[in-house]
Amino acid sequence: MLELRPTCEHCNKALPPDSTEAMICSFECTFCRSCVEDVLGNVCPNCGGGFAARPIRPSRNLNGDNFLGAYPPGTKVKHRPVDPIAHQQFAATIKGIPAERR
């Protein structure tokens, strides 16, 4: 079950469960779309993987109690701003490799 973290790890922007701005890597590191594109260059600073849009969990019980009421979003904020210079150096070594092949 996805944790649905509440904010961007870099800029701390609110990312509610229905946000279309939330992006995650395969380890659920969560960043807003602008940080992924403008700061991170689609390279996760924690694992080196790429990002995909975070799915939106249904807000209503449409089928089998698989909705926010039964599985609420996470509340723990992980605000860990990225050092842009260190990240550029890290990302430069792998950015040329397509995210699906890293």
C-alpha atoms as a PDB file:
ATOM      1  CA  MET A   1       0.000   0.000   0.000  1.00  0.00           C
ATOM      2  CA  LEU A   2       1.461   3.373  -0.996  1.00  0.00           C
ATOM      3  CA  GLU A   3       2.170   5.654   1.939  1.00  0.00           C
ATOM      4  CA  LEU A   4       0.974   8.809   0.099  1.00  0.00           C
ATOM      5  CA  ARG A   5       3.450  11.135   1.800  1.00  0.00           C
ATOM      6  CA  PRO A   6       2.014  14.585   2.507  1.00  0.00           C
ATOM      7  CA  THR A   7       4.731  16.894   1.137  1.00  0.00           C
ATOM      8  CA  CYS A   8       7.604  17.242  -1.311  1.00  0.00           C
ATOM      9  CA  GLU A   9      10.831  16.049   0.297  1.00  0.00           C
ATOM     10  CA  HIS A  10      12.759  18.970  -1.219  1.00  0.00           C
ATOM     11  CA  CYS A  11      10.578  22.095  -1.080  1.00  0.00           C
ATOM     12  CA  ASN A  12       7.977  20.852   1.447  1.00  0.00           C
ATOM     13  CA  LYS A  13       5.074  21.768  -0.868  1.00  0.00           C
ATOM     14  CA  ALA A  14       1.812  20.164   0.253  1.00  0.00           C
ATOM     15  CA  LEU A  15       0.921  17.106  -1.831  1.00  0.00           C
ATOM     16  CA  PRO A  16      -2.546  15.983  -0.732  1.00  0.00           C
ATOM     17  CA  PRO A  17      -3.764  12.513  -1.747  1.00  0.00           C
ATOM     18  CA  ASP A  18      -5.478  13.871  -4.868  1.00  0.00           C
ATOM     19  CA  SER A  19      -2.488  15.903  -6.070  1.00  0.00           C
ATOM     20  CA  THR A  20      -1.537  15.476  -9.709  1.00  0.00           C
ATOM     21  CA  GLU A  21       1.788  17.164  -8.876  1.00  0.00           C
ATOM     22  CA  ALA A  22       3.096  14.299  -6.710  1.00  0.00           C
ATOM     23  CA  MET A  23       5.860  12.180  -8.218  1.00  0.00           C
ATOM     24  CA  ILE A  24       7.389   9.053  -6.667  1.00  0.00           C
ATOM     25  CA  CYS A  25      10.309   6.731  -7.300  1.00  0.00           C
ATOM     26  CA  SER A  26      10.043   2.981  -6.764  1.00  0.00           C
ATOM     27  CA  PHE A  27      10.943   3.467  -3.077  1.00  0.00           C
ATOM     28  CA  GLU A  28       8.140   6.052  -2.665  1.00  0.00           C
ATOM     29  CA  CYS A  29      10.506   9.004  -2.324  1.00  0.00           C
ATOM     30  CA  THR A  30       8.034  11.822  -2.950  1.00  0.00           C
ATOM     31  CA  PHE A  31       8.684  15.110  -4.708  1.00  0.00           C
ATOM     32  CA  CYS A  32       6.539  17.674  -6.503  1.00  0.00           C
ATOM     33  CA  ARG A  33       6.638  17.719 -10.296  1.00  0.00           C
ATOM     34  CA  SER A  34       8.527  21.029 -10.458  1.00  0.00           C
ATOM     35  CA  CYS A  35      11.313  19.767  -8.171  1.00  0.00           C
ATOM     36  CA  VAL A  36      11.591  16.529 -10.192  1.00  0.00           C
ATOM     37  CA  GLU A  37      11.873  18.466 -13.447  1.00  0.00           C
ATOM     38  CA  ASP A  38      13.719  21.642 -12.422  1.00  0.00           C
ATOM     39  CA  VAL A  39      15.972  20.520  -9.549  1.00  0.00           C
ATOM     40  CA  LEU A  40      16.382  16.750  -9.772  1.00  0.00           C
ATOM     41  CA  GLY A  41      16.314  16.179 -13.539  1.00  0.00           C
ATOM     42  CA  ASN A  42      14.282  12.983 -13.027  1.00  0.00           C
ATOM     43  CA  VAL A  43      17.035  11.436 -10.885  1.00  0.00           C
ATOM     44  CA  CYS A  44      16.012  10.463  -7.351  1.00  0.00           C
ATOM     45  CA  PRO A  45      18.614  11.854  -4.939  1.00  0.00           C
ATOM     46  CA  ASN A  46      18.095   8.879  -2.619  1.00  0.00           C
ATOM     47  CA  CYS A  47      18.273   5.890  -5.007  1.00  0.00           C
ATOM     48  CA  GLY A  48      19.174   7.229  -8.462  1.00  0.00           C
ATOM     49  CA  GLY A  49      15.982   5.931 -10.049  1.00  0.00           C
ATOM     50  CA  GLY A  50      13.476   7.900 -12.096  1.00  0.00           C
ATOM     51  CA  PHE A  51      10.047   9.177 -11.148  1.00  0.00           C
ATOM     52  CA  ALA A  52       6.463   8.471 -12.128  1.00  0.00           C
ATOM     53  CA  ALA A  53       3.227  10.212 -11.277  1.00  0.00           C
ATOM     54  CA  ARG A  54       1.900   9.065  -7.909  1.00  0.00           C
ATOM     55  CA  PRO A  55      -1.439   7.263  -8.314  1.00  0.00           C
ATOM     56  CA  ILE A  56      -4.498   8.837  -6.743  1.00  0.00           C
ATOM     57  CA  ARG A  57      -6.312   6.669  -4.223  1.00  0.00           C
ATOM     58  CA  PRO A  58     -10.108   6.841  -4.549  1.00  0.00           C
ATOM     59  CA  SER A  59     -11.719   9.149  -2.010  1.00  0.00           C
ATOM     60  CA  ARG A  60     -14.959   7.116  -1.946  1.00  0.00           C
ATOM     61  CA  ASN A  61     -15.597   3.440  -1.383  1.00  0.00           C
ATOM     62  CA  LEU A  62     -16.103   2.312  -4.959  1.00  0.00           C
ATOM     63  CA  ASN A  63     -15.207  -1.338  -4.412  1.00  0.00           C
ATOM     64  CA  GLY A  64     -14.156  -3.485  -1.449  1.00  0.00           C
ATOM     65  CA  ASP A  65     -13.188  -0.727   1.005  1.00  0.00           C
ATOM     66  CA  ASN A  66     -10.178   0.248  -1.131  1.00  0.00           C
ATOM     67  CA  PHE A  67     -10.332   4.003  -0.527  1.00  0.00           C
ATOM     68  CA  LEU A  68      -8.890   6.807   1.595  1.00  0.00           C
ATOM     69  CA  GLY A  69     -11.339   6.174   4.436  1.00  0.00           C
ATOM     70  CA  ALA A  70      -9.964   2.671   4.963  1.00  0.00           C
ATOM     71  CA  TYR A  71      -6.384   3.462   3.939  1.00  0.00           C
ATOM     72  CA  PRO A  72      -5.641   7.091   4.866  1.00  0.00           C
ATOM     73  CA  PRO A  73      -2.620   8.958   3.527  1.00  0.00           C
ATOM     74  CA  GLY A  74       0.599   9.211   5.494  1.00  0.00           C
ATOM     75  CA  THR A  75       1.084  12.126   7.855  1.00  0.00           C
ATOM     76  CA  LYS A  76       4.829  11.962   8.509  1.00  0.00           C
ATOM     77  CA  VAL A  77       6.668  14.753   6.700  1.00  0.00           C
ATOM     78  CA  LYS A  78      10.079  13.861   5.249  1.00  0.00           C
ATOM     79  CA  HIS A  79      11.544  17.282   4.514  1.00  0.00           C
ATOM     80  CA  ARG A  80      15.092  16.647   3.341  1.00  0.00           C
ATOM     81  CA  PRO A  81      16.119  19.466   1.010  1.00  0.00           C
ATOM     82  CA  VAL A  82      18.543  18.392  -1.690  1.00  0.00           C
ATOM     83  CA  ASP A  83      21.918  20.095  -2.045  1.00  0.00           C
ATOM     84  CA  PRO A  84      21.655  21.176  -5.712  1.00  0.00           C
ATOM     85  CA  ILE A  85      25.410  21.095  -6.382  1.00  0.00           C
ATOM     86  CA  ALA A  86      25.929  17.659  -4.820  1.00  0.00           C
ATOM     87  CA  HIS A  87      22.878  16.349  -6.668  1.00  0.00           C
ATOM     88  CA  GLN A  88      24.082  17.700 -10.011  1.00  0.00           C
ATOM     89  CA  GLN A  89      27.377  15.877  -9.507  1.00  0.00           C
ATOM     90  CA  PHE A  90      25.592  12.637  -8.549  1.00  0.00           C
ATOM     91  CA  ALA A  91      23.026  12.903 -11.363  1.00  0.00           C
ATOM     92  CA  ALA A  92      25.672  13.674 -13.992  1.00  0.00           C
ATOM     93  CA  THR A  93      27.096  10.185 -13.582  1.00  0.00           C
ATOM     94  CA  ILE A  94      23.786   8.444 -14.379  1.00  0.00           C
ATOM     95  CA  LYS A  95      21.517  10.957 -16.102  1.00  0.00           C
ATOM     96  CA  GLY A  96      22.486   9.678 -19.551  1.00  0.00           C
ATOM     97  CA  ILE A  97      21.072   6.258 -18.699  1.00  0.00           C
ATOM     98  CA  PRO A  98      17.303   6.084 -19.313  1.00  0.00           C
ATOM     99  CA  ALA A  99      15.421   5.825 -15.990  1.00  0.00           C
ATOM    100  CA  GLU A 100      14.034   2.414 -16.925  1.00  0.00           C
ATOM    101  CA  ARG A 101      17.589   1.045 -17.309  1.00  0.00           C
ATOM    102  CA  ARG A 102      19.268   2.457 -14.206  1.00  0.00           C
END
